[in-house]
PDB file of N, CA and C in Angstrom:
ATOM      1  N   MET A   1     -34.612 -15.277   1.249  1.00  0.00           N
ATOM      2  CA  MET A   1     -35.256 -16.509   1.660  1.00  0.00           C
ATOM      3  C   MET A   1     -34.918 -17.585   0.639  1.00  0.00           C
ATOM      4  N   GLY A   2     -34.619 -18.758   1.115  1.00  0.00           N
ATOM      5  CA  GLY A   2     -34.356 -19.886   0.245  1.00  0.00           C
ATOM      6  C   GLY A   2     -34.846 -21.155   0.905  1.00  0.00           C
ATOM      7  N   ALA A   3     -35.111 -22.184   0.105  1.00  0.00           N
ATOM      8  CA  ALA A   3     -35.585 -23.460   0.633  1.00  0.00           C
ATOM      9  C   ALA A   3     -35.009 -24.599  -0.197  1.00  0.00           C
ATOM     10  N   LEU A   4     -34.794 -25.751   0.464  1.00  0.00           N
ATOM     11  CA  LEU A   4     -34.250 -26.950  -0.188  1.00  0.00           C
ATOM     12  C   LEU A   4     -35.004 -28.182   0.241  1.00  0.00           C
ATOM     13  N   PRO A   5     -35.150 -29.190  -0.588  1.00  0.00           N
ATOM     14  CA  PRO A   5     -35.217 -29.073  -2.045  1.00  0.00           C
ATOM     15  C   PRO A   5     -36.516 -28.394  -2.433  1.00  0.00           C
ATOM     16  N   MET A   6     -36.553 -27.831  -3.612  1.00  0.00           N
ATOM     17  CA  MET A   6     -37.696 -27.013  -4.011  1.00  0.00           C
ATOM     18  C   MET A   6     -39.002 -27.799  -4.131  1.00  0.00           C
ATOM     19  N   ASN A   7     -38.940 -29.060  -4.555  1.00  0.00           N
ATOM     20  CA  ASN A   7     -40.187 -29.814  -4.731  1.00  0.00           C
ATOM     21  C   ASN A   7     -40.712 -30.412  -3.426  1.00  0.00           C
ATOM     22  N   ASN A   8     -39.901 -30.402  -2.365  1.00  0.00           N
ATOM     23  CA  ASN A   8     -40.334 -30.912  -1.059  1.00  0.00           C
ATOM     24  C   ASN A   8     -39.428 -30.291   0.006  1.00  0.00           C
ATOM     25  N   PRO A   9     -39.611 -29.005   0.297  1.00  0.00           N
ATOM     26  CA  PRO A   9     -38.675 -28.292   1.177  1.00  0.00           C
ATOM     27  C   PRO A   9     -38.494 -28.939   2.554  1.00  0.00           C
ATOM     28  N   GLN A  10     -37.252 -29.150   2.915  1.00  0.00           N
ATOM     29  CA  GLN A  10     -36.881 -29.670   4.227  1.00  0.00           C
ATOM     30  C   GLN A  10     -36.066 -28.637   5.005  1.00  0.00           C
ATOM     31  N   ILE A  11     -35.438 -27.722   4.286  1.00  0.00           N
ATOM     32  CA  ILE A  11     -34.596 -26.677   4.876  1.00  0.00           C
ATOM     33  C   ILE A  11     -35.110 -25.327   4.391  1.00  0.00           C
ATOM     34  N   ALA A  12     -35.315 -24.403   5.312  1.00  0.00           N
ATOM     35  CA  ALA A  12     -35.674 -23.035   4.948  1.00  0.00           C
ATOM     36  C   ALA A  12     -34.632 -22.106   5.563  1.00  0.00           C
ATOM     37  N   LEU A  13     -34.203 -21.124   4.784  1.00  0.00           N
ATOM     38  CA  LEU A  13     -33.190 -20.179   5.245  1.00  0.00           C
ATOM     39  C   LEU A  13     -33.702 -18.768   5.020  1.00  0.00           C
ATOM     40  N   TYR A  14     -33.660 -17.965   6.065  1.00  0.00           N
ATOM     41  CA  TYR A  14     -34.073 -16.574   5.969  1.00  0.00           C
ATOM     42  C   TYR A  14     -32.952 -15.727   6.529  1.00  0.00           C
ATOM     43  N   ILE A  15     -32.466 -14.802   5.732  1.00  0.00           N
ATOM     44  CA  ILE A  15     -31.416 -13.883   6.178  1.00  0.00           C
ATOM     45  C   ILE A  15     -31.940 -12.465   6.005  1.00  0.00           C
ATOM     46  N   CYS A  16     -31.822 -11.681   7.064  1.00  0.00           N
ATOM     47  CA  CYS A  16     -32.293 -10.298   7.045  1.00  0.00           C
ATOM     48  C   CYS A  16     -31.100  -9.373   7.258  1.00  0.00           C
ATOM     49  N   LEU A  17     -31.004  -8.367   6.434  1.00  0.00           N
ATOM     50  CA  LEU A  17     -29.936  -7.378   6.569  1.00  0.00           C
ATOM     51  C   LEU A  17     -30.507  -6.148   7.241  1.00  0.00           C
ATOM     52  N   GLU A  18     -30.065  -5.904   8.464  1.00  0.00           N
ATOM     53  CA  GLU A  18     -30.573  -4.771   9.230  1.00  0.00           C
ATOM     54  C   GLU A  18     -29.656  -3.566   9.040  1.00  0.00           C
ATOM     55  N   LYS A  19     -30.197  -2.457   8.661  1.00  0.00           N
ATOM     56  CA  LYS A  19     -29.469  -1.210   8.441  1.00  0.00           C
ATOM     57  C   LYS A  19     -28.289  -1.389   7.482  1.00  0.00           C
ATOM     58  N   PRO A  20     -28.545  -1.739   6.241  1.00  0.00           N
ATOM     59  CA  PRO A  20     -27.440  -1.895   5.291  1.00  0.00           C
ATOM     60  C   PRO A  20     -26.738  -0.565   5.053  1.00  0.00           C
ATOM     61  N   HIS A  21     -25.441  -0.629   4.822  1.00  0.00           N
ATOM     62  CA  HIS A  21     -24.639   0.576   4.625  1.00  0.00           C
ATOM     63  C   HIS A  21     -24.187   0.689   3.169  1.00  0.00           C
ATOM     64  N   SER A  22     -25.071   0.384   2.267  1.00  0.00           N
ATOM     65  CA  SER A  22     -24.750   0.396   0.851  1.00  0.00           C
ATOM     66  C   SER A  22     -25.815   1.183   0.113  1.00  0.00           C
ATOM     67  N   LEU A  23     -25.428   1.762  -0.999  1.00  0.00           N
ATOM     68  CA  LEU A  23     -26.415   2.439  -1.818  1.00  0.00           C
ATOM     69  C   LEU A  23     -27.331   1.445  -2.511  1.00  0.00           C
ATOM     70  N   ILE A  24     -26.816   0.232  -2.746  1.00  0.00           N
ATOM     71  CA  ILE A  24     -27.622  -0.818  -3.364  1.00  0.00           C
ATOM     72  C   ILE A  24     -28.173  -1.680  -2.233  1.00  0.00           C
ATOM     73  N   GLN A  25     -29.451  -1.575  -1.976  1.00  0.00           N
ATOM     74  CA  GLN A  25     -30.031  -2.271  -0.838  1.00  0.00           C
ATOM     75  C   GLN A  25     -31.066  -3.304  -1.271  1.00  0.00           C
ATOM     76  N   TYR A  26     -30.849  -3.925  -2.422  1.00  0.00           N
ATOM     77  CA  TYR A  26     -31.778  -4.925  -2.909  1.00  0.00           C
ATOM     78  C   TYR A  26     -31.391  -6.285  -2.360  1.00  0.00           C
ATOM     79  N   GLY A  27     -32.367  -7.070  -1.974  1.00  0.00           N
ATOM     80  CA  GLY A  27     -32.103  -8.396  -1.429  1.00  0.00           C
ATOM     81  C   GLY A  27     -31.336  -9.285  -2.384  1.00  0.00           C
ATOM     82  N   GLY A  28     -31.636  -9.187  -3.667  1.00  0.00           N
ATOM     83  CA  GLY A  28     -30.977 -10.033  -4.650  1.00  0.00           C
ATOM     84  C   GLY A  28     -29.505  -9.738  -4.830  1.00  0.00           C
ATOM     85  N   THR A  29     -29.080  -8.521  -4.561  1.00  0.00           N
ATOM     86  CA  THR A  29     -27.673  -8.175  -4.754  1.00  0.00           C
ATOM     87  C   THR A  29     -26.860  -8.242  -3.470  1.00  0.00           C
ATOM     88  N   ILE A  30     -27.513  -8.083  -2.337  1.00  0.00           N
ATOM     89  CA  ILE A  30     -26.761  -8.103  -1.078  1.00  0.00           C
ATOM     90  C   ILE A  30     -26.952  -9.420  -0.334  1.00  0.00           C
ATOM     91  N   VAL A  31     -28.169  -9.790  -0.059  1.00  0.00           N
ATOM     92  CA  VAL A  31     -28.441 -10.990   0.728  1.00  0.00           C
ATOM     93  C   VAL A  31     -28.490 -12.242  -0.150  1.00  0.00           C
ATOM     94  N   GLY A  32     -28.909 -12.096  -1.387  1.00  0.00           N
ATOM     95  CA  GLY A  32     -29.030 -13.240  -2.289  1.00  0.00           C
ATOM     96  C   GLY A  32     -27.779 -14.086  -2.388  1.00  0.00           C
ATOM     97  N   PRO A  33     -26.604 -13.471  -2.626  1.00  0.00           N
ATOM     98  CA  PRO A  33     -25.379 -14.274  -2.693  1.00  0.00           C
ATOM     99  C   PRO A  33     -25.049 -14.991  -1.383  1.00  0.00           C
ATOM    100  N   ILE A  34     -25.406 -14.394  -0.258  1.00  0.00           N
ATOM    101  CA  ILE A  34     -25.159 -15.038   1.041  1.00  0.00           C
ATOM    102  C   ILE A  34     -26.047 -16.276   1.168  1.00  0.00           C
ATOM    103  N   VAL A  35     -27.320 -16.133   0.818  1.00  0.00           N
ATOM    104  CA  VAL A  35     -28.246 -17.276   0.853  1.00  0.00           C
ATOM    105  C   VAL A  35     -27.740 -18.373  -0.072  1.00  0.00           C
ATOM    106  N   ASN A  36     -27.304 -18.006  -1.269  1.00  0.00           N
ATOM    107  CA  ASN A  36     -26.784 -18.966  -2.234  1.00  0.00           C
ATOM    108  C   ASN A  36     -25.592 -19.730  -1.670  1.00  0.00           C
ATOM    109  N   ASN A  37     -24.641 -19.024  -1.065  1.00  0.00           N
ATOM    110  CA  ASN A  37     -23.454 -19.678  -0.498  1.00  0.00           C
ATOM    111  C   ASN A  37     -23.819 -20.627   0.638  1.00  0.00           C
ATOM    112  N   VAL A  38     -24.701 -20.196   1.525  1.00  0.00           N
ATOM    113  CA  VAL A  38     -25.098 -21.040   2.662  1.00  0.00           C
ATOM    114  C   VAL A  38     -25.825 -22.290   2.164  1.00  0.00           C
ATOM    115  N   LEU A  39     -26.793 -22.109   1.266  1.00  0.00           N
ATOM    116  CA  LEU A  39     -27.544 -23.267   0.776  1.00  0.00           C
ATOM    117  C   LEU A  39     -26.670 -24.197  -0.060  1.00  0.00           C
ATOM    118  N   SER A  40     -25.685 -23.664  -0.780  1.00  0.00           N
ATOM    119  CA  SER A  40     -24.743 -24.514  -1.528  1.00  0.00           C
ATOM    120  C   SER A  40     -23.969 -25.411  -0.568  1.00  0.00           C
ATOM    121  N   ASP A  41     -23.548 -24.854   0.564  1.00  0.00           N
ATOM    122  CA  ASP A  41     -22.847 -25.653   1.569  1.00  0.00           C
ATOM    123  C   ASP A  41     -23.776 -26.687   2.203  1.00  0.00           C
ATOM    124  N   VAL A  42     -25.039 -26.309   2.442  1.00  0.00           N
ATOM    125  CA  VAL A  42     -26.015 -27.234   3.028  1.00  0.00           C
ATOM    126  C   VAL A  42     -26.250 -28.417   2.089  1.00  0.00           C
ATOM    127  N   VAL A  43     -26.373 -28.144   0.792  1.00  0.00           N
ATOM    128  CA  VAL A  43     -26.571 -29.211  -0.198  1.00  0.00           C
ATOM    129  C   VAL A  43     -25.419 -30.211  -0.121  1.00  0.00           C
ATOM    130  N   THR A  44     -24.202 -29.696  -0.040  1.00  0.00           N
ATOM    131  CA  THR A  44     -23.028 -30.570   0.050  1.00  0.00           C
ATOM    132  C   THR A  44     -23.021 -31.333   1.360  1.00  0.00           C
ATOM    133  N   TYR A  45     -23.243 -30.629   2.476  1.00  0.00           N
ATOM    134  CA  TYR A  45     -23.184 -31.242   3.803  1.00  0.00           C
ATOM    135  C   TYR A  45     -24.238 -32.338   3.970  1.00  0.00           C
ATOM    136  N   LEU A  46     -25.459 -32.073   3.499  1.00  0.00           N
ATOM    137  CA  LEU A  46     -26.552 -33.040   3.655  1.00  0.00           C
ATOM    138  C   LEU A  46     -26.636 -34.023   2.489  1.00  0.00           C
ATOM    139  N   ASP A  47     -25.738 -33.880   1.511  1.00  0.00           N
ATOM    140  CA  ASP A  47     -25.684 -34.760   0.341  1.00  0.00           C
ATOM    141  C   ASP A  47     -27.040 -34.821  -0.366  1.00  0.00           C
ATOM    142  N   ILE A  48     -27.616 -33.653  -0.599  1.00  0.00           N
ATOM    143  CA  ILE A  48     -28.889 -33.566  -1.308  1.00  0.00           C
ATOM    144  C   ILE A  48     -28.603 -33.710  -2.797  1.00  0.00           C
ATOM    145  N   LYS A  49     -29.230 -34.691  -3.417  1.00  0.00           N
ATOM    146  CA  LYS A  49     -28.994 -34.996  -4.832  1.00  0.00           C
ATOM    147  C   LYS A  49     -29.788 -34.049  -5.732  1.00  0.00           C
ATOM    148  N   LYS A  50     -29.248 -33.800  -6.926  1.00  0.00           N
ATOM    149  CA  LYS A  50     -29.933 -32.982  -7.915  1.00  0.00           C
ATOM    150  C   LYS A  50     -31.219 -33.692  -8.353  1.00  0.00           C
ATOM    151  N   GLN A  51     -32.296 -32.952  -8.456  1.00  0.00           N
ATOM    152  CA  GLN A  51     -33.578 -33.507  -8.860  1.00  0.00           C
ATOM    153  C   GLN A  51     -33.618 -33.689 -10.370  1.00  0.00           C
ATOM    154  N   ASP A  52     -34.384 -34.659 -10.828  1.00  0.00           N
ATOM    155  CA  ASP A  52     -34.491 -34.932 -12.261  1.00  0.00           C
ATOM    156  C   ASP A  52     -34.988 -33.732 -13.051  1.00  0.00           C
ATOM    157  N   ASN A  53     -35.913 -32.984 -12.486  1.00  0.00           N
ATOM    158  CA  ASN A  53     -36.517 -31.859 -13.201  1.00  0.00           C
ATOM    159  C   ASN A  53     -35.873 -30.519 -12.848  1.00  0.00           C
ATOM    160  N   GLU A  54     -34.725 -30.539 -12.171  1.00  0.00           N
ATOM    161  CA  GLU A  54     -34.074 -29.311 -11.742  1.00  0.00           C
ATOM    162  C   GLU A  54     -33.407 -28.609 -12.918  1.00  0.00           C
ATOM    163  N   LEU A  55     -33.559 -27.299 -12.956  1.00  0.00           N
ATOM    164  CA  LEU A  55     -32.922 -26.501 -14.004  1.00  0.00           C
ATOM    165  C   LEU A  55     -31.504 -26.135 -13.585  1.00  0.00           C
ATOM    166  N   ASP A  56     -30.599 -26.096 -14.554  1.00  0.00           N
ATOM    167  CA  ASP A  56     -29.250 -25.642 -14.269  1.00  0.00           C
ATOM    168  C   ASP A  56     -29.268 -24.141 -14.024  1.00  0.00           C
ATOM    169  N   PHE A  57     -28.418 -23.708 -13.111  1.00  0.00           N
ATOM    170  CA  PHE A  57     -28.334 -22.298 -12.782  1.00  0.00           C
ATOM    171  C   PHE A  57     -27.515 -21.578 -13.834  1.00  0.00           C
ATOM    172  N   GLU A  58     -28.023 -20.467 -14.315  1.00  0.00           N
ATOM    173  CA  GLU A  58     -27.281 -19.651 -15.261  1.00  0.00           C
ATOM    174  C   GLU A  58     -26.912 -18.350 -14.569  1.00  0.00           C
ATOM    175  N   TYR A  59     -25.633 -17.982 -14.652  1.00  0.00           N
ATOM    176  CA  TYR A  59     -25.156 -16.754 -14.032  1.00  0.00           C
ATOM    177  C   TYR A  59     -25.617 -15.537 -14.822  1.00  0.00           C
ATOM    178  N   THR A  60     -25.947 -14.480 -14.114  1.00  0.00           N
ATOM    179  CA  THR A  60     -26.278 -13.213 -14.747  1.00  0.00           C
ATOM    180  C   THR A  60     -25.189 -12.220 -14.388  1.00  0.00           C
ATOM    181  N   TRP A  61     -25.274 -11.041 -14.887  1.00  0.00           N
ATOM    182  CA  TRP A  61     -24.253 -10.031 -14.640  1.00  0.00           C
ATOM    183  C   TRP A  61     -24.126  -9.676 -13.157  1.00  0.00           C
ATOM    184  N   MET A  62     -25.178  -9.929 -12.375  1.00  0.00           N
ATOM    185  CA  MET A  62     -25.122  -9.585 -10.952  1.00  0.00           C
ATOM    186  C   MET A  62     -24.556 -10.707 -10.090  1.00  0.00           C
ATOM    187  N   ASP A  63     -24.500 -11.921 -10.611  1.00  0.00           N
ATOM    188  CA  ASP A  63     -24.037 -13.042  -9.818  1.00  0.00           C
ATOM    189  C   ASP A  63     -22.521 -13.093  -9.788  1.00  0.00           C
ATOM    190  N   ILE A  64     -21.992 -13.545  -8.677  1.00  0.00           N
ATOM    191  CA  ILE A  64     -20.550 -13.699  -8.506  1.00  0.00           C
ATOM    192  C   ILE A  64     -20.241 -15.184  -8.566  1.00  0.00           C
ATOM    193  N   LYS A  65     -19.396 -15.576  -9.506  1.00  0.00           N
ATOM    194  CA  LYS A  65     -19.018 -16.978  -9.611  1.00  0.00           C
ATOM    195  C   LYS A  65     -17.947 -17.287  -8.573  1.00  0.00           C
ATOM    196  N   THR A  66     -18.159 -18.367  -7.828  1.00  0.00           N
ATOM    197  CA  THR A  66     -17.162 -18.825  -6.863  1.00  0.00           C
ATOM    198  C   THR A  66     -16.818 -20.274  -7.178  1.00  0.00           C
ATOM    199  N   TYR A  67     -15.594 -20.646  -6.847  1.00  0.00           N
ATOM    200  CA  TYR A  67     -15.109 -21.992  -7.091  1.00  0.00           C
ATOM    201  C   TYR A  67     -14.333 -22.458  -5.866  1.00  0.00           C
ATOM    202  N   PRO A  68     -14.337 -23.762  -5.589  1.00  0.00           N
ATOM    203  CA  PRO A  68     -13.515 -24.263  -4.485  1.00  0.00           C
ATOM    204  C   PRO A  68     -12.042 -24.181  -4.869  1.00  0.00           C
ATOM    205  N   VAL A  69     -11.227 -23.854  -3.884  1.00  0.00           N
ATOM    206  CA  VAL A  69      -9.785 -23.740  -4.093  1.00  0.00           C
ATOM    207  C   VAL A  69      -9.166 -25.130  -4.049  1.00  0.00           C
ATOM    208  N   GLU A  70      -8.346 -25.416  -5.025  1.00  0.00           N
ATOM    209  CA  GLU A  70      -7.654 -26.704  -5.119  1.00  0.00           C
ATOM    210  C   GLU A  70      -6.574 -26.796  -4.034  1.00  0.00           C
ATOM    211  N   ASN A  71      -6.187 -28.006  -3.701  1.00  0.00           N
ATOM    212  CA  ASN A  71      -5.079 -28.232  -2.770  1.00  0.00           C
ATOM    213  C   ASN A  71      -3.781 -28.242  -3.581  1.00  0.00           C
ATOM    214  N   TYR A  72      -2.990 -27.188  -3.422  1.00  0.00           N
ATOM    215  CA  TYR A  72      -1.735 -27.054  -4.155  1.00  0.00           C
ATOM    216  C   TYR A  72      -0.533 -27.529  -3.346  1.00  0.00           C
ATOM    217  N   ILE A  73      -0.715 -27.799  -2.060  1.00  0.00           N
ATOM    218  CA  ILE A  73       0.399 -28.161  -1.181  1.00  0.00           C
ATOM    219  C   ILE A  73       1.026 -29.463  -1.669  1.00  0.00           C
ATOM    220  N   GLY A  74       2.362 -29.419  -1.801  1.00  0.00           N
ATOM    221  CA  GLY A  74       3.113 -30.578  -2.262  1.00  0.00           C
ATOM    222  C   GLY A  74       3.352 -30.593  -3.760  1.00  0.00           C
ATOM    223  N   LYS A  75       2.676 -29.724  -4.496  1.00  0.00           N
ATOM    224  CA  LYS A  75       2.860 -29.670  -5.942  1.00  0.00           C
ATOM    225  C   LYS A  75       4.026 -28.749  -6.297  1.00  0.00           C
ATOM    226  N   ASN A  76       4.553 -28.947  -7.499  1.00  0.00           N
ATOM    227  CA  ASN A  76       5.582 -28.060  -8.019  1.00  0.00           C
ATOM    228  C   ASN A  76       4.919 -26.946  -8.815  1.00  0.00           C
ATOM    229  N   ARG A  77       5.609 -25.814  -8.955  1.00  0.00           N
ATOM    230  CA  ARG A  77       5.061 -24.676  -9.705  1.00  0.00           C
ATOM    231  C   ARG A  77       4.612 -25.078 -11.101  1.00  0.00           C
ATOM    232  N   LYS A  78       5.391 -25.929 -11.764  1.00  0.00           N
ATOM    233  CA  LYS A  78       5.087 -26.314 -13.148  1.00  0.00           C
ATOM    234  C   LYS A  78       3.791 -27.118 -13.259  1.00  0.00           C
ATOM    235  N   GLU A  79       3.374 -27.764 -12.179  1.00  0.00           N
ATOM    236  CA  GLU A  79       2.154 -28.574 -12.190  1.00  0.00           C
ATOM    237  C   GLU A  79       0.885 -27.739 -12.071  1.00  0.00           C
ATOM    238  N   ILE A  80       1.035 -26.481 -11.695  1.00  0.00           N
ATOM    239  CA  ILE A  80      -0.128 -25.664 -11.352  1.00  0.00           C
ATOM    240  C   ILE A  80      -0.686 -24.977 -12.584  1.00  0.00           C
ATOM    241  N   LYS A  81      -1.905 -25.373 -12.917  1.00  0.00           N
ATOM    242  CA  LYS A  81      -2.650 -24.761 -14.008  1.00  0.00           C
ATOM    243  C   LYS A  81      -4.000 -24.363 -13.440  1.00  0.00           C
ATOM    244  N   ASN A  82      -4.320 -23.104 -13.568  1.00  0.00           N
ATOM    245  CA  ASN A  82      -5.545 -22.615 -12.961  1.00  0.00           C
ATOM    246  C   ASN A  82      -6.209 -21.615 -13.893  1.00  0.00           C
ATOM    247  N   THR A  83      -7.476 -21.767 -14.126  1.00  0.00           N
ATOM    248  CA  THR A  83      -8.172 -20.855 -15.021  1.00  0.00           C
ATOM    249  C   THR A  83      -9.097 -19.889 -14.294  1.00  0.00           C
ATOM    250  N   HIS A  84      -9.394 -20.125 -13.024  1.00  0.00           N
ATOM    251  CA  HIS A  84     -10.377 -19.297 -12.312  1.00  0.00           C
ATOM    252  C   HIS A  84      -9.763 -18.201 -11.442  1.00  0.00           C
ATOM    253  N   PHE A  85      -8.513 -18.388 -11.004  1.00  0.00           N
ATOM    254  CA  PHE A  85      -7.927 -17.474 -10.036  1.00  0.00           C
ATOM    255  C   PHE A  85      -6.592 -16.924 -10.525  1.00  0.00           C
ATOM    256  N   LYS A  86      -6.149 -15.861  -9.876  1.00  0.00           N
ATOM    257  CA  LYS A  86      -4.817 -15.318 -10.118  1.00  0.00           C
ATOM    258  C   LYS A  86      -3.880 -15.970  -9.097  1.00  0.00           C
ATOM    259  N   ILE A  87      -2.786 -16.556  -9.565  1.00  0.00           N
ATOM    260  CA  ILE A  87      -1.840 -17.233  -8.681  1.00  0.00           C
ATOM    261  C   ILE A  87      -0.688 -16.287  -8.360  1.00  0.00           C
ATOM    262  N   VAL A  88      -0.393 -16.132  -7.066  1.00  0.00           N
ATOM    263  CA  VAL A  88       0.724 -15.314  -6.599  1.00  0.00           C
ATOM    264  C   VAL A  88       1.653 -16.217  -5.802  1.00  0.00           C
ATOM    265  N   TYR A  89       2.927 -16.230  -6.183  1.00  0.00           N
ATOM    266  CA  TYR A  89       3.919 -17.048  -5.486  1.00  0.00           C
ATOM    267  C   TYR A  89       4.710 -16.178  -4.520  1.00  0.00           C
ATOM    268  N   ILE A  90       4.946 -16.716  -3.330  1.00  0.00           N
ATOM    269  CA  ILE A  90       5.820 -16.068  -2.364  1.00  0.00           C
ATOM    270  C   ILE A  90       6.915 -17.072  -2.022  1.00  0.00           C
ATOM    271  N   GLY A  91       8.152 -16.693  -2.305  1.00  0.00           N
ATOM    272  CA  GLY A  91       9.296 -17.575  -2.085  1.00  0.00           C
ATOM    273  C   GLY A  91       9.954 -17.946  -3.400  1.00  0.00           C
ATOM    274  N   ASP A  92      11.182 -18.435  -3.295  1.00  0.00           N
ATOM    275  CA  ASP A  92      11.958 -18.784  -4.481  1.00  0.00           C
ATOM    276  C   ASP A  92      11.971 -20.275  -4.761  1.00  0.00           C
ATOM    277  N   GLY A  93      11.348 -21.073  -3.914  1.00  0.00           N
ATOM    278  CA  GLY A  93      11.356 -22.520  -4.096  1.00  0.00           C
ATOM    279  C   GLY A  93      10.460 -22.972  -5.232  1.00  0.00           C
ATOM    280  N   ASP A  94      10.482 -24.262  -5.494  1.00  0.00           N
ATOM    281  CA  ASP A  94       9.655 -24.838  -6.559  1.00  0.00           C
ATOM    282  C   ASP A  94       8.440 -25.575  -5.999  1.00  0.00           C
ATOM    283  N   LYS A  95       8.568 -26.120  -4.782  1.00  0.00           N
ATOM    284  CA  LYS A  95       7.499 -26.919  -4.189  1.00  0.00           C
ATOM    285  C   LYS A  95       6.634 -26.061  -3.270  1.00  0.00           C
ATOM    286  N   ILE A  96       5.317 -26.221  -3.388  1.00  0.00           N
ATOM    287  CA  ILE A  96       4.375 -25.456  -2.573  1.00  0.00           C
ATOM    288  C   ILE A  96       4.303 -26.075  -1.172  1.00  0.00           C
ATOM    289  N   ILE A  97       4.529 -25.236  -0.147  1.00  0.00           N
ATOM    290  CA  ILE A  97       4.510 -25.725   1.237  1.00  0.00           C
ATOM    291  C   ILE A  97       3.292 -25.234   2.022  1.00  0.00           C
ATOM    292  N   SER A  98       2.640 -24.173   1.518  1.00  0.00           N
ATOM    293  CA  SER A  98       1.451 -23.641   2.187  1.00  0.00           C
ATOM    294  C   SER A  98       0.678 -22.795   1.189  1.00  0.00           C
ATOM    295  N   GLN A  99      -0.573 -22.480   1.526  1.00  0.00           N
ATOM    296  CA  GLN A  99      -1.383 -21.677   0.621  1.00  0.00           C
ATOM    297  C   GLN A  99      -2.465 -20.928   1.377  1.00  0.00           C
ATOM    298  N   LEU A 100      -2.896 -19.827   0.775  1.00  0.00           N
ATOM    299  CA  LEU A 100      -4.036 -19.047   1.252  1.00  0.00           C
ATOM    300  C   LEU A 100      -4.861 -18.648   0.045  1.00  0.00           C
ATOM    301  N   PRO A 101      -6.161 -18.815   0.056  1.00  0.00           N
ATOM    302  CA  PRO A 101      -6.960 -19.510   1.049  1.00  0.00           C
ATOM    303  C   PRO A 101      -6.651 -21.011   1.073  1.00  0.00           C
ATOM    304  N   LEU A 102      -7.153 -21.651   2.108  1.00  0.00           N
ATOM    305  CA  LEU A 102      -6.932 -23.080   2.297  1.00  0.00           C
ATOM    306  C   LEU A 102      -7.710 -23.899   1.267  1.00  0.00           C
ATOM    307  N   PRO A 103      -7.289 -25.151   1.046  1.00  0.00           N
ATOM    308  CA  PRO A 103      -7.991 -26.011   0.092  1.00  0.00           C
ATOM    309  C   PRO A 103      -9.486 -26.139   0.424  1.00  0.00           C
ATOM    310  N   ASN A 104     -10.297 -26.181  -0.610  1.00  0.00           N
ATOM    311  CA  ASN A 104     -11.750 -26.356  -0.565  1.00  0.00           C
ATOM    312  C   ASN A 104     -12.529 -25.128  -0.122  1.00  0.00           C
ATOM    313  N   GLU A 105     -11.836 -24.040   0.263  1.00  0.00           N
ATOM    314  CA  GLU A 105     -12.570 -22.809   0.546  1.00  0.00           C
ATOM    315  C   GLU A 105     -13.079 -22.259  -0.776  1.00  0.00           C
ATOM    316  N   LYS A 106     -14.225 -21.606  -0.744  1.00  0.00           N
ATOM    317  CA  LYS A 106     -14.774 -21.009  -1.960  1.00  0.00           C
ATOM    318  C   LYS A 106     -14.178 -19.616  -2.139  1.00  0.00           C
ATOM    319  N   LEU A 107     -13.817 -19.324  -3.393  1.00  0.00           N
ATOM    320  CA  LEU A 107     -13.197 -18.045  -3.688  1.00  0.00           C
ATOM    321  C   LEU A 107     -13.816 -17.483  -4.957  1.00  0.00           C
ATOM    322  N   GLN A 108     -14.002 -16.182  -4.971  1.00  0.00           N
ATOM    323  CA  GLN A 108     -14.589 -15.518  -6.124  1.00  0.00           C
ATOM    324  C   GLN A 108     -13.644 -15.614  -7.320  1.00  0.00           C
ATOM    325  N   GLU A 109     -14.214 -15.857  -8.480  1.00  0.00           N
ATOM    326  CA  GLU A 109     -13.452 -15.959  -9.716  1.00  0.00           C
ATOM    327  C   GLU A 109     -12.609 -14.697  -9.916  1.00  0.00           C
ATOM    328  N   GLY A 110     -11.333 -14.897 -10.284  1.00  0.00           N
ATOM    329  CA  GLY A 110     -10.432 -13.785 -10.545  1.00  0.00           C
ATOM    330  C   GLY A 110      -9.656 -13.298  -9.335  1.00  0.00           C
ATOM    331  N   LYS A 111      -9.998 -13.785  -8.141  1.00  0.00           N
ATOM    332  CA  LYS A 111      -9.281 -13.369  -6.933  1.00  0.00           C
ATOM    333  C   LYS A 111      -7.944 -14.106  -6.822  1.00  0.00           C
ATOM    334  N   GLU A 112      -7.098 -13.664  -5.893  1.00  0.00           N
ATOM    335  CA  GLU A 112      -5.750 -14.211  -5.745  1.00  0.00           C
ATOM    336  C   GLU A 112      -5.689 -15.416  -4.826  1.00  0.00           C
ATOM    337  N   ILE A 113      -4.873 -16.380  -5.234  1.00  0.00           N
ATOM    338  CA  ILE A 113      -4.462 -17.469  -4.368  1.00  0.00           C
ATOM    339  C   ILE A 113      -2.973 -17.266  -4.139  1.00  0.00           C
ATOM    340  N   ILE A 114      -2.563 -17.252  -2.883  1.00  0.00           N
ATOM    341  CA  ILE A 114      -1.151 -17.072  -2.545  1.00  0.00           C
ATOM    342  C   ILE A 114      -0.556 -18.429  -2.239  1.00  0.00           C
ATOM    343  N   LEU A 115       0.487 -18.762  -2.978  1.00  0.00           N
ATOM    344  CA  LEU A 115       1.178 -20.041  -2.794  1.00  0.00           C
ATOM    345  C   LEU A 115       2.574 -19.767  -2.258  1.00  0.00           C
ATOM    346  N   PHE A 116       2.885 -20.402  -1.137  1.00  0.00           N
ATOM    347  CA  PHE A 116       4.181 -20.214  -0.487  1.00  0.00           C
ATOM    348  C   PHE A 116       5.096 -21.377  -0.859  1.00  0.00           C
ATOM    349  N   THR A 117       6.340 -21.033  -1.231  1.00  0.00           N
ATOM    350  CA  THR A 117       7.301 -22.079  -1.617  1.00  0.00           C
ATOM    351  C   THR A 117       8.438 -22.135  -0.627  1.00  0.00           C
TER     352      THR A 117
END
């Protein structure tokens, strides 16, 4: 369960996992990240501003850090500097013509971005 904004909720989100197939069946480890991702998108979509008294989120060992994927299309290999993801090139060219995942998609830290040349 999550709500936005916390001091005057306008959005409430409830996600229920029916018959989970995991040994770890805690809401915070399975459903929590899903709620976080959905509400993060809602904040962006509805342009909800950060509150003055809002605390910054601190990641714990159970949280998965995700970052939006940059738009690499049209760039040269030498221009690409990335600290969050593993970059995999397919092709012998220098200029990026396509990529997976697409720009602005959220990707877990350390995962691969495939750049086609």
